[in-house]
Amino acid sequence: VQLQASGGGLAQAGGSLTLSCTSSNDISRLNIMGWYRQAPGQQRELVAEVTRGGTTNYAASVKGRFSISRVNARAEIYLQMNSLKPEDTGVYYCNSRSPFNSRVNYWGQGTQVTVSS
């Protein structure tokens, strides 16, 4: 399974960016798909995820600012990021994981998001 992420870039504080991720394999339609990020010197952390049924989960730091959505027919997810803050800077990784088998866990290549103050 390959996950192709796009949409990262540079934004000013208060601005917006949209990330997208497409899975090469339809198995992702069944999986939980989400976004993680990793800032320099820090561990990778969950940003947001969405189940096949549309149930979402957000990190406390992005609630109310970020919105995750998915199109099951195309095994795609999107992350709309509004009111960006400098602390949102990092490499954002797309993830697809099985809700039944923890060994089924796929990662995309990452896309850089930089927010300037």
C-alpha atoms as a PDB file:
ATOM      1  CA  VAL A   1       0.000   0.000   0.000  1.00  0.00           C
ATOM      2  CA  GLN A   2       1.352   3.404  -0.963  1.00  0.00           C
ATOM      3  CA  LEU A   3       0.021   6.607   0.496  1.00  0.00           C
ATOM      4  CA  GLN A   4       0.636   9.721  -1.549  1.00  0.00           C
ATOM      5  CA  ALA A   5       0.366  12.956   0.395  1.00  0.00           C
ATOM      6  CA  SER A   6       0.317  16.446  -1.048  1.00  0.00           C
ATOM      7  CA  GLY A   7      -0.603  20.000  -0.165  1.00  0.00           C
ATOM      8  CA  GLY A   8       2.045  20.999   2.313  1.00  0.00           C
ATOM      9  CA  GLY A   9       3.890  24.278   2.070  1.00  0.00           C
ATOM     10  CA  LEU A  10       4.460  27.606   3.716  1.00  0.00           C
ATOM     11  CA  ALA A  11       1.711  29.654   5.366  1.00  0.00           C
ATOM     12  CA  GLN A  12       1.535  32.630   7.632  1.00  0.00           C
ATOM     13  CA  ALA A  13       0.070  32.414  11.098  1.00  0.00           C
ATOM     14  CA  GLY A  14      -3.682  32.628  10.819  1.00  0.00           C
ATOM     15  CA  GLY A  15      -3.636  31.213   7.317  1.00  0.00           C
ATOM     16  CA  SER A  16      -4.910  27.954   5.882  1.00  0.00           C
ATOM     17  CA  LEU A  17      -3.602  24.903   4.089  1.00  0.00           C
ATOM     18  CA  THR A  18      -5.243  21.724   2.846  1.00  0.00           C
ATOM     19  CA  LEU A  19      -3.505  18.371   2.803  1.00  0.00           C
ATOM     20  CA  SER A  20      -4.672  15.420   0.762  1.00  0.00           C
ATOM     21  CA  CYS A  21      -3.697  11.772   0.780  1.00  0.00           C
ATOM     22  CA  THR A  22      -4.548   9.013  -1.680  1.00  0.00           C
ATOM     23  CA  SER A  23      -4.085   5.313  -1.071  1.00  0.00           C
ATOM     24  CA  SER A  24      -2.930   3.037  -3.874  1.00  0.00           C
ATOM     25  CA  ASN A  25      -4.896   0.134  -2.426  1.00  0.00           C
ATOM     26  CA  ASP A  26      -8.612  -0.118  -1.807  1.00  0.00           C
ATOM     27  CA  ILE A  27      -7.904  -1.797   1.531  1.00  0.00           C
ATOM     28  CA  SER A  28      -7.633   1.710   2.915  1.00  0.00           C
ATOM     29  CA  ARG A  29     -11.365   2.080   2.401  1.00  0.00           C
ATOM     30  CA  LEU A  30     -11.767  -0.262   5.382  1.00  0.00           C
ATOM     31  CA  ASN A  31      -9.035   1.277   7.481  1.00  0.00           C
ATOM     32  CA  ILE A  32      -8.838   4.169   9.846  1.00  0.00           C
ATOM     33  CA  MET A  33      -7.013   6.907   7.978  1.00  0.00           C
ATOM     34  CA  GLY A  34      -5.413   9.905   9.508  1.00  0.00           C
ATOM     35  CA  TRP A  35      -2.665  12.470   9.783  1.00  0.00           C
ATOM     36  CA  TYR A  36       0.249  12.556  12.149  1.00  0.00           C
ATOM     37  CA  ARG A  37       2.937  15.206  12.434  1.00  0.00           C
ATOM     38  CA  GLN A  38       6.471  15.389  13.680  1.00  0.00           C
ATOM     39  CA  ALA A  39       8.208  18.591  14.670  1.00  0.00           C
ATOM     40  CA  PRO A  40      12.014  18.746  14.813  1.00  0.00           C
ATOM     41  CA  GLY A  41      13.303  16.969  17.884  1.00  0.00           C
ATOM     42  CA  GLN A  42       9.874  15.711  18.861  1.00  0.00           C
ATOM     43  CA  GLN A  43       7.988  12.470  18.573  1.00  0.00           C
ATOM     44  CA  ARG A  44       5.396  11.849  15.920  1.00  0.00           C
ATOM     45  CA  GLU A  45       1.930  12.667  17.220  1.00  0.00           C
ATOM     46  CA  LEU A  46      -1.611  12.132  16.059  1.00  0.00           C
ATOM     47  CA  VAL A  47      -3.265  15.183  14.510  1.00  0.00           C
ATOM     48  CA  ALA A  48      -6.565  13.728  13.343  1.00  0.00           C
ATOM     49  CA  GLU A  49      -8.046  10.472  12.142  1.00  0.00           C
ATOM     50  CA  VAL A  50     -11.307   9.293  10.653  1.00  0.00           C
ATOM     51  CA  THR A  51     -12.911   5.864  10.509  1.00  0.00           C
ATOM     52  CA  ARG A  52     -14.621   4.325   7.524  1.00  0.00           C
ATOM     53  CA  GLY A  53     -17.927   5.313   9.099  1.00  0.00           C
ATOM     54  CA  GLY A  54     -16.874   8.937   9.476  1.00  0.00           C
ATOM     55  CA  THR A  55     -16.103   9.049  13.189  1.00  0.00           C
ATOM     56  CA  THR A  56     -13.338  11.560  13.805  1.00  0.00           C
ATOM     57  CA  ASN A  57     -10.720  12.021  16.484  1.00  0.00           C
ATOM     58  CA  TYR A  58      -8.593  15.154  16.899  1.00  0.00           C
ATOM     59  CA  ALA A  59      -5.646  16.175  18.981  1.00  0.00           C
ATOM     60  CA  ALA A  60      -6.701  18.745  21.557  1.00  0.00           C
ATOM     61  CA  SER A  61      -4.307  21.276  20.061  1.00  0.00           C
ATOM     62  CA  VAL A  62      -6.094  21.324  16.693  1.00  0.00           C
ATOM     63  CA  LYS A  63      -9.744  20.936  17.678  1.00  0.00           C
ATOM     64  CA  GLY A  64     -11.854  23.683  16.214  1.00  0.00           C
ATOM     65  CA  ARG A  65      -9.150  24.639  13.708  1.00  0.00           C
ATOM     66  CA  PHE A  66      -8.536  21.492  11.661  1.00  0.00           C
ATOM     67  CA  SER A  67     -11.081  19.321   9.902  1.00  0.00           C
ATOM     68  CA  ILE A  68     -10.485  15.842   8.522  1.00  0.00           C
ATOM     69  CA  SER A  69     -12.663  14.233   5.880  1.00  0.00           C
ATOM     70  CA  ARG A  70     -12.547  11.191   3.646  1.00  0.00           C
ATOM     71  CA  VAL A  71     -13.911   9.912   0.368  1.00  0.00           C
ATOM     72  CA  ASN A  72     -14.215   6.175   0.781  1.00  0.00           C
ATOM     73  CA  ALA A  73     -14.854   5.488  -2.887  1.00  0.00           C
ATOM     74  CA  ARG A  74     -11.380   6.827  -3.710  1.00  0.00           C
ATOM     75  CA  ALA A  75      -9.621   5.897  -0.441  1.00  0.00           C
ATOM     76  CA  GLU A  76      -8.696   9.556   0.019  1.00  0.00           C
ATOM     77  CA  ILE A  77      -8.527  11.791   3.031  1.00  0.00           C
ATOM     78  CA  TYR A  78      -8.166  15.510   3.424  1.00  0.00           C
ATOM     79  CA  LEU A  79      -7.056  17.759   6.238  1.00  0.00           C
ATOM     80  CA  GLN A  80      -8.305  21.322   6.163  1.00  0.00           C
ATOM     81  CA  MET A  81      -6.091  23.389   8.435  1.00  0.00           C
ATOM     82  CA  ASN A  82      -7.325  26.833   9.425  1.00  0.00           C
ATOM     83  CA  SER A  83      -6.049  29.442  11.866  1.00  0.00           C
ATOM     84  CA  LEU A  84      -2.580  27.974  11.555  1.00  0.00           C
ATOM     85  CA  LYS A  85      -0.059  28.603  14.311  1.00  0.00           C
ATOM     86  CA  PRO A  86       3.744  28.410  14.230  1.00  0.00           C
ATOM     87  CA  GLU A  87       3.513  25.367  16.497  1.00  0.00           C
ATOM     88  CA  ASP A  88       1.693  23.534  13.709  1.00  0.00           C
ATOM     89  CA  THR A  89       4.995  23.416  11.824  1.00  0.00           C
ATOM     90  CA  GLY A  90       6.274  19.944  11.106  1.00  0.00           C
ATOM     91  CA  VAL A  91       6.269  17.055   8.692  1.00  0.00           C
ATOM     92  CA  TYR A  92       2.770  15.691   8.245  1.00  0.00           C
ATOM     93  CA  TYR A  93       2.372  11.993   7.546  1.00  0.00           C
ATOM     94  CA  CYS A  94      -0.633  10.223   6.136  1.00  0.00           C
ATOM     95  CA  ASN A  95      -1.522   6.958   7.859  1.00  0.00           C
ATOM     96  CA  SER A  96      -3.773   4.027   7.087  1.00  0.00           C
ATOM     97  CA  ARG A  97      -4.282   1.362   9.729  1.00  0.00           C
ATOM     98  CA  SER A  98      -6.589  -1.544  10.301  1.00  0.00           C
ATOM     99  CA  PRO A  99      -9.008  -1.223  13.233  1.00  0.00           C
ATOM    100  CA  PHE A 100      -8.674  -5.007  13.740  1.00  0.00           C
ATOM    101  CA  ASN A 101      -5.002  -5.792  13.261  1.00  0.00           C
ATOM    102  CA  SER A 102      -2.297  -3.530  14.698  1.00  0.00           C
ATOM    103  CA  ARG A 103       0.258  -5.012  12.321  1.00  0.00           C
ATOM    104  CA  VAL A 104      -1.561  -3.486   9.382  1.00  0.00           C
ATOM    105  CA  ASN A 105      -0.215   0.036   9.525  1.00  0.00           C
ATOM    106  CA  TYR A 106       0.939   2.065   6.521  1.00  0.00           C
ATOM    107  CA  TRP A 107       2.669   5.435   6.269  1.00  0.00           C
ATOM    108  CA  GLY A 108       3.033   7.991   3.532  1.00  0.00           C
ATOM    109  CA  GLN A 109       6.258   9.822   2.764  1.00  0.00           C
ATOM    110  CA  GLY A 110       5.409  13.014   4.643  1.00  0.00           C
ATOM    111  CA  THR A 111       4.795  16.550   3.523  1.00  0.00           C
ATOM    112  CA  GLN A 112       6.334  19.635   5.132  1.00  0.00           C
ATOM    113  CA  VAL A 113       4.119  22.302   6.663  1.00  0.00           C
ATOM    114  CA  THR A 114       5.796  25.499   7.807  1.00  0.00           C
ATOM    115  CA  VAL A 115       3.887  28.275   9.545  1.00  0.00           C
ATOM    116  CA  SER A 116       5.635  31.592   9.969  1.00  0.00           C
ATOM    117  CA  SER A 117       4.767  34.071  12.690  1.00  0.00           C
END
